[in-house]
Protein backbone atom coordinates (compact mmCIF):
# COMPACT_ATOMS: atom_id res chain seq x y z
CA MET A 1 -48.05 50.68 -24.02
CA ASN A 2 -46.71 49.41 -20.54
CA GLN A 3 -49.19 48.79 -18.01
CA SER A 4 -48.05 50.07 -14.79
CA LEU A 5 -46.60 47.44 -11.92
CA PRO A 6 -49.56 47.33 -9.65
CA ILE A 7 -52.27 46.99 -12.64
CA ILE A 8 -49.97 43.85 -13.83
CA ILE A 9 -49.79 42.48 -10.05
CA LEU A 10 -53.64 42.96 -9.57
CA SER A 11 -54.32 41.30 -12.84
CA TYR A 12 -52.45 38.02 -12.42
CA SER A 13 -53.58 38.06 -8.75
CA LEU A 14 -57.06 37.91 -9.83
CA ALA A 15 -56.15 35.38 -12.65
CA GLY A 16 -54.74 33.22 -9.97
CA ILE A 17 -57.65 33.56 -7.55
CA LYS A 18 -59.75 32.69 -10.43
CA TRP A 19 -57.56 29.72 -11.30
CA ILE A 20 -58.01 28.69 -7.41
CA PHE A 21 -61.76 28.94 -7.52
CA HIS A 22 -61.71 26.81 -10.60
CA PHE A 23 -60.07 24.21 -9.02
CA ILE A 24 -62.28 23.77 -6.31
CA VAL A 25 -65.19 23.93 -8.27
CA TYR A 26 -63.80 20.96 -10.54
CA THR A 27 -62.72 19.20 -7.31
CA ALA A 28 -66.26 19.43 -5.92
CA GLY A 29 -67.61 18.41 -9.40
CA PHE A 30 -65.64 15.18 -9.30
CA ILE A 31 -66.53 14.40 -5.86
CA ALA A 32 -70.25 14.89 -6.48
CA PHE A 33 -69.94 12.80 -9.78
CA GLY A 34 -68.37 9.89 -7.68
CA ALA A 35 -71.17 10.20 -4.77
CA LEU A 36 -73.78 10.15 -7.88
CA ALA A 37 -71.95 7.09 -9.42
CA GLY A 38 -71.89 5.21 -6.30
CA ALA A 39 -75.53 5.85 -5.46
CA ILE A 40 -76.68 4.48 -8.76
CA LEU A 41 -74.21 1.50 -9.11
CA PHE A 42 -74.10 0.18 -5.72
CA PRO A 43 -77.67 -0.64 -5.83
CA LEU A 44 -77.60 -2.40 -9.01
CA VAL A 45 -74.29 -4.32 -8.19
CA GLY A 46 -75.68 -5.00 -4.58
CA THR A 47 -79.05 -6.43 -6.09
CA LEU A 48 -77.32 -8.60 -8.49
CA LEU A 49 -74.99 -10.05 -5.61
CA GLY A 50 -78.11 -10.44 -3.14
CA MET A 51 -76.93 -8.17 -0.24
CA ASP A 52 -78.86 -7.96 2.60
CA LEU A 53 -79.43 -4.09 2.87
CA THR A 54 -82.26 -2.69 1.57
CA ILE A 55 -82.13 -0.31 -1.58
CA SER A 56 -82.07 3.03 0.41
CA GLN A 57 -79.09 1.64 2.54
CA MET A 58 -77.46 0.70 -0.66
CA ILE A 59 -77.96 4.27 -1.90
CA VAL A 60 -76.42 5.69 1.10
CA ASN A 61 -73.32 3.20 1.36
CA GLY A 62 -72.86 3.82 -2.54
CA ALA A 63 -72.73 7.69 -2.18
CA ARG A 64 -70.57 7.29 0.78
CA ASP A 65 -68.19 5.04 -0.62
CA GLY A 66 -68.26 6.60 -3.99
CA GLY A 67 -67.74 10.18 -2.58
CA PHE A 68 -64.95 8.97 -0.47
CA TYR A 69 -63.13 7.34 -3.35
CA PHE A 70 -63.66 10.56 -5.41
CA THR A 71 -62.33 12.68 -2.21
CA MET A 72 -59.17 10.97 -2.77
CA TRP A 73 -58.90 11.21 -6.59
CA GLY A 74 -61.04 14.63 -6.85
CA PRO A 75 -58.27 17.15 -5.99
CA GLY A 76 -55.35 15.33 -8.38
CA LEU A 77 -57.98 15.09 -11.24
CA GLY A 78 -59.06 18.91 -10.64
CA PHE A 79 -55.54 19.84 -10.39
CA VAL A 80 -54.62 18.20 -13.63
CA TYR A 81 -57.75 19.64 -15.55
CA THR A 82 -56.90 23.15 -14.19
CA ILE A 83 -53.69 22.72 -15.37
CA VAL A 84 -54.55 21.95 -18.87
CA GLN A 85 -57.50 24.87 -18.93
CA VAL A 86 -54.61 27.33 -17.87
CA HIS A 87 -52.24 25.95 -20.54
CA ASP A 88 -55.19 26.19 -23.17
CA ALA A 89 -55.71 29.70 -22.16
CA ARG A 90 -52.34 30.71 -22.52
CA ALA A 91 -52.04 28.83 -25.97
CA GLY A 92 -54.95 30.84 -27.08
CA LYS A 93 -57.33 28.20 -27.75
CA ALA A 94 -59.36 28.03 -24.16
CA THR A 95 -62.28 25.92 -24.10
CA PHE A 96 -64.29 28.85 -22.46
CA PRO A 97 -64.22 32.40 -23.29
CA TRP A 98 -63.70 33.91 -20.28
CA HIS A 99 -60.52 31.81 -19.98
CA ARG A 100 -58.85 33.79 -22.77
CA SER A 101 -59.18 37.42 -21.11
CA LEU A 102 -55.91 37.81 -19.23
CA TYR A 103 -53.66 36.12 -21.99
CA GLN A 104 -55.12 37.83 -25.07
CA LYS A 105 -52.26 40.20 -26.53
CA LYS A 106 -53.50 43.97 -26.45
């Protein structure tokens, strides 16, 4: 059975919106990971190197620097991860069950 054209357009539009949302979530996750990693690693390395900052200042600086670096790398990583998820969903071996819904043969 063939679906009507408006239903096909709607389903692919919803799929596109879903993947854009996934890209935004993945990118935000990478940036948050960078800020957290910076907040943890900066005080450790700063203490070992004998920096003249308090621990709280090192945590803030580490979160800022880690978030900044992952703000540069996060969108690229998020885009690549989203494309991998789309490819896996189209190939029928999606990681998450809600990724398979559009691409399953009926």
